Amino acid sequence: NQINPIPTPPPSPTTSSTLHECTVCKASYRSKSGLTRHKTIVQKYNTRREGLYTLPLEAINEFKAQLVHVIQGKLKDHFSKSGRQTISLPCLESLFFGVFEGYIHYYNYRTGSYKCFFQGPDAYTQVANLFNNPNWGRKFFNNNQQTFVVLFDAQAEADANQESLSDQHGNRVPKNRLKRFNLPKLTVEWKYKKSKEDAKNNRTSAGYINLKFCAQQI
């Protein structure tokens, strides 16, 4: 199948008669209007701040290929190398925004950090479209073995959906199921890192992109 070079936006949140939940971050709201406000705020996070310049498409596509390369480097051919993986490398804010604009789901106005979440049955294809690479998160080995990035666990999702939303006193308990149930996901974060001051009060700073995910072998 040919991968669409145009990034597919995250699926629109769905609602039910009793629960209005964001399908991206799993935050739940009592009313549809609460979810609508959440979506409006998230949309603002994907608007370029003033002064953030736009990089050429060639530079953005080259960085996407680099991200695939470092992700592939974490996919080893031994079970002992499975589990949680973390990647951190320097990255311009404009470069991060050029790749992940439209997928940013969290922004901290105080620190200037961004976060994206990719989770669910369609998340792998979503990232494949974003990176223009159908094998971005899997590597093949001999004896029909492969190691891949886990973005969905049907059983964990089912267990999370059955969990009560009320405490022992019958009061509603707001929750973020991605955190509470540790559902598998790819988290992409961009933030500034500052060095400590040296003996003459000099310090440096740089933007970094951090990727966190779980790898599994079959």
C-alpha atoms as a PDB file:
ATOM      1  CA  ASN A   1       0.000   0.000   0.000  1.00  0.00           C
ATOM      2  CA  GLN A   2       1.252   3.478  -0.880  1.00  0.00           C
ATOM      3  CA  ILE A   3       1.708   5.835   2.050  1.00  0.00           C
ATOM      4  CA  ASN A   4      -0.019   9.178   1.745  1.00  0.00           C
ATOM      5  CA  PRO A   5       2.685  11.880   2.010  1.00  0.00           C
ATOM      6  CA  ILE A   6       0.191  14.281   3.596  1.00  0.00           C
ATOM      7  CA  PRO A   7      -0.048  13.781   7.382  1.00  0.00           C
ATOM      8  CA  THR A   8      -3.412  12.500   8.504  1.00  0.00           C
ATOM      9  CA  PRO A   9      -4.716  14.518  11.477  1.00  0.00           C
ATOM     10  CA  PRO A  10      -5.550  12.706  14.707  1.00  0.00           C
ATOM     11  CA  PRO A  11      -9.054  11.179  14.799  1.00  0.00           C
ATOM     12  CA  SER A  12     -11.813  13.384  16.104  1.00  0.00           C
ATOM     13  CA  PRO A  13     -12.842  12.622  19.682  1.00  0.00           C
ATOM     14  CA  THR A  14     -15.958  10.524  20.087  1.00  0.00           C
ATOM     15  CA  THR A  15     -18.714  10.933  22.614  1.00  0.00           C
ATOM     16  CA  SER A  16     -21.220   8.735  24.344  1.00  0.00           C
ATOM     17  CA  SER A  17     -24.303   9.398  26.458  1.00  0.00           C
ATOM     18  CA  THR A  18     -22.305   9.364  29.702  1.00  0.00           C
ATOM     19  CA  LEU A  19     -18.700  10.108  28.768  1.00  0.00           C
ATOM     20  CA  HIS A  20     -17.062  12.615  26.464  1.00  0.00           C
ATOM     21  CA  GLU A  21     -13.472  11.566  25.921  1.00  0.00           C
ATOM     22  CA  CYS A  22     -10.590  12.850  23.840  1.00  0.00           C
ATOM     23  CA  THR A  23      -9.295   9.932  21.773  1.00  0.00           C
ATOM     24  CA  VAL A  24      -5.772  11.360  21.732  1.00  0.00           C
ATOM     25  CA  CYS A  25      -5.004  12.051  25.415  1.00  0.00           C
ATOM     26  CA  LYS A  26      -7.959  10.123  26.954  1.00  0.00           C
ATOM     27  CA  ALA A  27      -9.016  13.096  29.077  1.00  0.00           C
ATOM     28  CA  SER A  28     -12.735  12.768  29.873  1.00  0.00           C
ATOM     29  CA  TYR A  29     -15.391  15.448  30.401  1.00  0.00           C
ATOM     30  CA  ARG A  30     -18.904  15.474  31.790  1.00  0.00           C
ATOM     31  CA  SER A  31     -20.295  17.481  28.891  1.00  0.00           C
ATOM     32  CA  LYS A  32     -19.761  17.793  25.183  1.00  0.00           C
ATOM     33  CA  SER A  33     -19.009  21.485  25.676  1.00  0.00           C
ATOM     34  CA  GLY A  34     -16.093  20.567  27.961  1.00  0.00           C
ATOM     35  CA  LEU A  35     -14.625  18.379  25.241  1.00  0.00           C
ATOM     36  CA  THR A  36     -15.199  21.135  22.680  1.00  0.00           C
ATOM     37  CA  ARG A  37     -13.268  23.608  24.834  1.00  0.00           C
ATOM     38  CA  HIS A  38     -10.456  21.070  25.126  1.00  0.00           C
ATOM     39  CA  LYS A  39     -10.303  20.693  21.330  1.00  0.00           C
ATOM     40  CA  THR A  40     -10.275  24.474  20.870  1.00  0.00           C
ATOM     41  CA  ILE A  41      -7.333  24.834  23.269  1.00  0.00           C
ATOM     42  CA  VAL A  42      -5.435  22.022  21.528  1.00  0.00           C
ATOM     43  CA  GLN A  43      -6.021  23.697  18.165  1.00  0.00           C
ATOM     44  CA  LYS A  44      -4.345  26.858  19.492  1.00  0.00           C
ATOM     45  CA  TYR A  45      -1.276  24.837  20.465  1.00  0.00           C
ATOM     46  CA  ASN A  46      -0.799  24.072  16.766  1.00  0.00           C
ATOM     47  CA  THR A  47      -0.665  27.725  15.753  1.00  0.00           C
ATOM     48  CA  ARG A  48       2.858  29.014  15.188  1.00  0.00           C
ATOM     49  CA  ARG A  49       3.936  31.592  17.693  1.00  0.00           C
ATOM     50  CA  GLU A  50       5.088  34.951  16.380  1.00  0.00           C
ATOM     51  CA  GLY A  51       8.710  34.857  15.307  1.00  0.00           C
ATOM     52  CA  LEU A  52       8.886  31.120  14.695  1.00  0.00           C
ATOM     53  CA  TYR A  53      10.226  30.807  11.173  1.00  0.00           C
ATOM     54  CA  THR A  54       9.249  28.219   8.562  1.00  0.00           C
ATOM     55  CA  LEU A  55      11.915  25.826   7.298  1.00  0.00           C
ATOM     56  CA  PRO A  56      12.086  24.431   3.740  1.00  0.00           C
ATOM     57  CA  LEU A  57      10.147  21.219   3.147  1.00  0.00           C
ATOM     58  CA  GLU A  58      13.382  19.472   2.174  1.00  0.00           C
ATOM     59  CA  ALA A  59      14.842  20.147   5.642  1.00  0.00           C
ATOM     60  CA  ILE A  60      11.690  18.880   7.347  1.00  0.00           C
ATOM     61  CA  ASN A  61      11.633  15.675   5.291  1.00  0.00           C
ATOM     62  CA  GLU A  62      15.327  15.094   5.994  1.00  0.00           C
ATOM     63  CA  PHE A  63      14.691  15.408   9.725  1.00  0.00           C
ATOM     64  CA  LYS A  64      11.784  12.956   9.479  1.00  0.00           C
ATOM     65  CA  ALA A  65      14.190  10.440   7.932  1.00  0.00           C
ATOM     66  CA  GLN A  66      16.648  11.083  10.767  1.00  0.00           C
ATOM     67  CA  LEU A  67      13.934  10.418  13.358  1.00  0.00           C
ATOM     68  CA  VAL A  68      13.116   7.119  11.664  1.00  0.00           C
ATOM     69  CA  HIS A  69      16.805   6.241  11.725  1.00  0.00           C
ATOM     70  CA  VAL A  70      17.196   6.809  15.474  1.00  0.00           C
ATOM     71  CA  ILE A  71      13.938   4.968  16.238  1.00  0.00           C
ATOM     72  CA  GLN A  72      15.131   2.017  14.159  1.00  0.00           C
ATOM     73  CA  GLY A  73      18.350   2.053  16.160  1.00  0.00           C
ATOM     74  CA  LYS A  74      16.327   1.221  19.294  1.00  0.00           C
ATOM     75  CA  LEU A  75      14.699  -1.843  17.709  1.00  0.00           C
ATOM     76  CA  LYS A  76      17.069  -4.676  18.598  1.00  0.00           C
ATOM     77  CA  ASP A  77      16.930  -8.382  17.733  1.00  0.00           C
ATOM     78  CA  HIS A  78      16.871  -9.677  21.305  1.00  0.00           C
ATOM     79  CA  PHE A  79      14.075  -9.890  23.859  1.00  0.00           C
ATOM     80  CA  SER A  80      16.321  -8.395  26.541  1.00  0.00           C
ATOM     81  CA  LYS A  81      16.341  -5.135  24.544  1.00  0.00           C
ATOM     82  CA  SER A  82      12.533  -4.884  24.476  1.00  0.00           C
ATOM     83  CA  GLY A  83      10.501  -2.591  26.715  1.00  0.00           C
ATOM     84  CA  ARG A  84      10.709   1.139  27.353  1.00  0.00           C
ATOM     85  CA  GLN A  85      12.866   3.176  24.992  1.00  0.00           C
ATOM     86  CA  THR A  86      13.926   6.813  25.197  1.00  0.00           C
ATOM     87  CA  ILE A  87      15.558   8.986  22.543  1.00  0.00           C
ATOM     88  CA  SER A  88      16.817  12.529  23.052  1.00  0.00           C
ATOM     89  CA  LEU A  89      18.596  14.750  20.540  1.00  0.00           C
ATOM     90  CA  PRO A  90      19.033  18.481  19.813  1.00  0.00           C
ATOM     91  CA  CYS A  91      16.276  19.971  17.664  1.00  0.00           C
ATOM     92  CA  LEU A  92      15.269  23.475  16.617  1.00  0.00           C
ATOM     93  CA  GLU A  93      11.781  24.519  17.727  1.00  0.00           C
ATOM     94  CA  SER A  94      10.974  25.462  14.127  1.00  0.00           C
ATOM     95  CA  LEU A  95      12.053  21.994  12.993  1.00  0.00           C
ATOM     96  CA  PHE A  96       9.888  20.267  15.594  1.00  0.00           C
ATOM     97  CA  PHE A  97       6.925  22.430  14.604  1.00  0.00           C
ATOM     98  CA  GLY A  98       7.537  21.753  10.924  1.00  0.00           C
ATOM     99  CA  VAL A  99       7.251  18.000  11.500  1.00  0.00           C
ATOM    100  CA  PHE A 100       4.538  17.799  14.167  1.00  0.00           C
ATOM    101  CA  GLU A 101       2.318  20.806  13.474  1.00  0.00           C
ATOM    102  CA  GLY A 102      -1.271  19.566  13.641  1.00  0.00           C
ATOM    103  CA  TYR A 103      -0.386  16.810  16.126  1.00  0.00           C
ATOM    104  CA  ILE A 104       0.662  18.911  19.131  1.00  0.00           C
ATOM    105  CA  HIS A 105      -1.667  18.102  22.024  1.00  0.00           C
ATOM    106  CA  TYR A 106      -0.021  19.835  24.967  1.00  0.00           C
ATOM    107  CA  TYR A 107       1.836  23.098  25.474  1.00  0.00           C
ATOM    108  CA  ASN A 108       3.309  24.584  28.645  1.00  0.00           C
ATOM    109  CA  TYR A 109       3.256  28.377  28.406  1.00  0.00           C
ATOM    110  CA  ARG A 110       5.719  28.729  31.290  1.00  0.00           C
ATOM    111  CA  THR A 111       8.438  26.449  29.915  1.00  0.00           C
ATOM    112  CA  GLY A 112       7.538  26.544  26.218  1.00  0.00           C
ATOM    113  CA  SER A 113       7.488  22.746  25.956  1.00  0.00           C
ATOM    114  CA  TYR A 114       5.273  20.786  23.538  1.00  0.00           C
ATOM    115  CA  LYS A 115       3.971  17.206  23.603  1.00  0.00           C
ATOM    116  CA  CYS A 116       2.387  14.910  21.029  1.00  0.00           C
ATOM    117  CA  PHE A 117       0.714  11.558  21.742  1.00  0.00           C
ATOM    118  CA  PHE A 118       0.221   8.722  19.255  1.00  0.00           C
ATOM    119  CA  GLN A 119      -1.866   5.861  20.616  1.00  0.00           C
ATOM    120  CA  GLY A 120      -4.637   3.572  19.394  1.00  0.00           C
ATOM    121  CA  PRO A 121      -5.423   1.068  16.627  1.00  0.00           C
ATOM    122  CA  ASP A 122      -4.725   3.595  13.833  1.00  0.00           C
ATOM    123  CA  ALA A 123      -1.696   5.273  15.426  1.00  0.00           C
ATOM    124  CA  TYR A 124       0.966   3.246  13.592  1.00  0.00           C
ATOM    125  CA  THR A 125      -0.470   4.177  10.196  1.00  0.00           C
ATOM    126  CA  GLN A 126      -0.841   7.771  11.344  1.00  0.00           C
ATOM    127  CA  VAL A 127       2.870   8.011  12.168  1.00  0.00           C
ATOM    128  CA  ALA A 128       3.748   6.144   8.955  1.00  0.00           C
ATOM    129  CA  ASN A 129       1.927   8.853   7.008  1.00  0.00           C
ATOM    130  CA  LEU A 130       3.646  11.550   9.047  1.00  0.00           C
ATOM    131  CA  PHE A 131       7.153  10.132   8.508  1.00  0.00           C
ATOM    132  CA  ASN A 132       6.464   8.976   4.925  1.00  0.00           C
ATOM    133  CA  ASN A 133       7.757   5.515   5.850  1.00  0.00           C
ATOM    134  CA  PRO A 134       5.569   2.408   6.377  1.00  0.00           C
ATOM    135  CA  ASN A 135       8.353   0.664   8.319  1.00  0.00           C
ATOM    136  CA  TRP A 136       9.242   3.571  10.616  1.00  0.00           C
ATOM    137  CA  GLY A 137       8.518   1.536  13.751  1.00  0.00           C
ATOM    138  CA  ARG A 138       9.456  -2.034  12.885  1.00  0.00           C
ATOM    139  CA  LYS A 139      12.614  -3.878  11.969  1.00  0.00           C
ATOM    140  CA  PHE A 140      12.824  -7.359  10.466  1.00  0.00           C
ATOM    141  CA  PHE A 141      15.337 -10.042  11.415  1.00  0.00           C
ATOM    142  CA  ASN A 142      16.162 -13.629  10.466  1.00  0.00           C
ATOM    143  CA  ASN A 143      13.785 -16.503  11.291  1.00  0.00           C
ATOM    144  CA  ASN A 144      10.747 -14.299  10.593  1.00  0.00           C
ATOM    145  CA  GLN A 145      11.337 -12.255  13.725  1.00  0.00           C
ATOM    146  CA  GLN A 146      10.598  -8.559  14.005  1.00  0.00           C
ATOM    147  CA  THR A 147      10.774  -5.871  16.668  1.00  0.00           C
ATOM    148  CA  PHE A 148       8.205  -3.097  16.583  1.00  0.00           C
ATOM    149  CA  VAL A 149       6.924  -0.025  18.403  1.00  0.00           C
ATOM    150  CA  VAL A 150       3.784  -0.829  20.408  1.00  0.00           C
ATOM    151  CA  LEU A 151       1.045   1.796  20.084  1.00  0.00           C
ATOM    152  CA  PHE A 152      -2.053  -0.243  20.924  1.00  0.00           C
ATOM    153  CA  ASP A 153      -2.975  -3.021  23.337  1.00  0.00           C
ATOM    154  CA  ALA A 154      -6.576  -4.188  22.899  1.00  0.00           C
ATOM    155  CA  GLN A 155      -6.738  -5.910  26.288  1.00  0.00           C
ATOM    156  CA  ALA A 156      -5.323  -2.920  28.166  1.00  0.00           C
ATOM    157  CA  GLU A 157      -7.749  -0.659  26.333  1.00  0.00           C
ATOM    158  CA  ALA A 158     -10.682  -2.899  27.258  1.00  0.00           C
ATOM    159  CA  ASP A 159      -9.608  -3.000  30.913  1.00  0.00           C
ATOM    160  CA  ALA A 160      -9.312   0.792  30.976  1.00  0.00           C
ATOM    161  CA  ASN A 161     -12.777   1.243  29.496  1.00  0.00           C
ATOM    162  CA  GLN A 162     -14.298  -0.985  32.194  1.00  0.00           C
ATOM    163  CA  GLU A 163     -12.692   0.932  35.051  1.00  0.00           C
ATOM    164  CA  SER A 164     -15.152   2.864  37.233  1.00  0.00           C
ATOM    165  CA  LEU A 165     -15.210   6.635  36.894  1.00  0.00           C
ATOM    166  CA  SER A 166     -16.478   7.114  40.459  1.00  0.00           C
ATOM    167  CA  ASP A 167     -14.761   6.811  43.816  1.00  0.00           C
ATOM    168  CA  GLN A 168     -16.026   4.845  46.829  1.00  0.00           C
ATOM    169  CA  HIS A 169     -18.339   7.730  47.772  1.00  0.00           C
ATOM    170  CA  GLY A 170     -19.924   7.865  44.331  1.00  0.00           C
ATOM    171  CA  ASN A 171     -18.106  11.038  43.313  1.00  0.00           C
ATOM    172  CA  ARG A 172     -16.849  11.281  39.759  1.00  0.00           C
ATOM    173  CA  VAL A 173     -13.081  10.904  39.412  1.00  0.00           C
ATOM    174  CA  PRO A 174     -11.525  12.722  36.417  1.00  0.00           C
ATOM    175  CA  LYS A 175      -8.842  10.608  34.830  1.00  0.00           C
ATOM    176  CA  ASN A 176      -6.364  10.457  32.015  1.00  0.00           C
ATOM    177  CA  ARG A 177      -6.286   6.811  31.003  1.00  0.00           C
ATOM    178  CA  LEU A 178      -3.003   7.154  29.141  1.00  0.00           C
ATOM    179  CA  LYS A 179      -1.319   7.872  32.474  1.00  0.00           C
ATOM    180  CA  ARG A 180      -3.450   5.868  34.886  1.00  0.00           C
ATOM    181  CA  PHE A 181      -3.432   2.648  32.888  1.00  0.00           C
ATOM    182  CA  ASN A 182      -0.126   3.216  31.126  1.00  0.00           C
ATOM    183  CA  LEU A 183      -1.582   2.434  27.715  1.00  0.00           C
ATOM    184  CA  PRO A 184       1.181   1.977  25.093  1.00  0.00           C
ATOM    185  CA  LYS A 185       1.934   5.101  23.102  1.00  0.00           C
ATOM    186  CA  LEU A 186       4.571   7.175  21.379  1.00  0.00           C
ATOM    187  CA  THR A 187       5.171  10.424  23.248  1.00  0.00           C
ATOM    188  CA  VAL A 188       7.097  13.150  21.443  1.00  0.00           C
ATOM    189  CA  GLU A 189       8.194  16.136  23.513  1.00  0.00           C
ATOM    190  CA  TRP A 190      10.132  19.277  22.653  1.00  0.00           C
ATOM    191  CA  LYS A 191      11.615  21.511  25.339  1.00  0.00           C
ATOM    192  CA  TYR A 192      14.498  23.810  26.150  1.00  0.00           C
ATOM    193  CA  LYS A 193      17.397  22.550  28.210  1.00  0.00           C
ATOM    194  CA  LYS A 194      19.666  24.989  30.011  1.00  0.00           C
ATOM    195  CA  SER A 195      23.110  24.297  31.381  1.00  0.00           C
ATOM    196  CA  LYS A 196      24.254  25.258  34.833  1.00  0.00           C
ATOM    197  CA  GLU A 197      26.203  28.464  35.137  1.00  0.00           C
ATOM    198  CA  ASP A 198      29.962  28.100  35.113  1.00  0.00           C
ATOM    199  CA  ALA A 199      32.400  29.894  37.404  1.00  0.00           C
ATOM    200  CA  LYS A 200      31.939  33.120  35.425  1.00  0.00           C
ATOM    201  CA  ASN A 201      28.123  32.917  35.186  1.00  0.00           C
ATOM    202  CA  ASN A 202      28.107  31.700  31.583  1.00  0.00           C
ATOM    203  CA  ARG A 203      25.413  29.271  30.505  1.00  0.00           C
ATOM    204  CA  THR A 204      24.057  27.741  27.320  1.00  0.00           C
ATOM    205  CA  SER A 205      20.677  26.470  26.138  1.00  0.00           C
ATOM    206  CA  ALA A 206      19.307  24.365  23.313  1.00  0.00           C
ATOM    207  CA  GLY A 207      16.054  22.801  22.196  1.00  0.00           C
ATOM    208  CA  TYR A 208      15.740  19.016  22.466  1.00  0.00           C
ATOM    209  CA  ILE A 209      13.261  16.513  21.097  1.00  0.00           C
ATOM    210  CA  ASN A 210      12.495  13.484  23.277  1.00  0.00           C
ATOM    211  CA  LEU A 211      10.723  10.343  22.086  1.00  0.00           C
ATOM    212  CA  LYS A 212       9.394   7.691  24.472  1.00  0.00           C
ATOM    213  CA  PHE A 213       7.841   4.370  23.461  1.00  0.00           C
ATOM    214  CA  CYS A 214       7.837   0.637  24.125  1.00  0.00           C
ATOM    215  CA  ALA A 215       9.399  -1.933  21.788  1.00  0.00           C
ATOM    216  CA  GLN A 216       8.264  -5.544  21.539  1.00  0.00           C
ATOM    217  CA  GLN A 217       9.622  -8.548  19.655  1.00  0.00           C
ATOM    218  CA  ILE A 218       7.706 -11.366  17.988  1.00  0.00           C
END
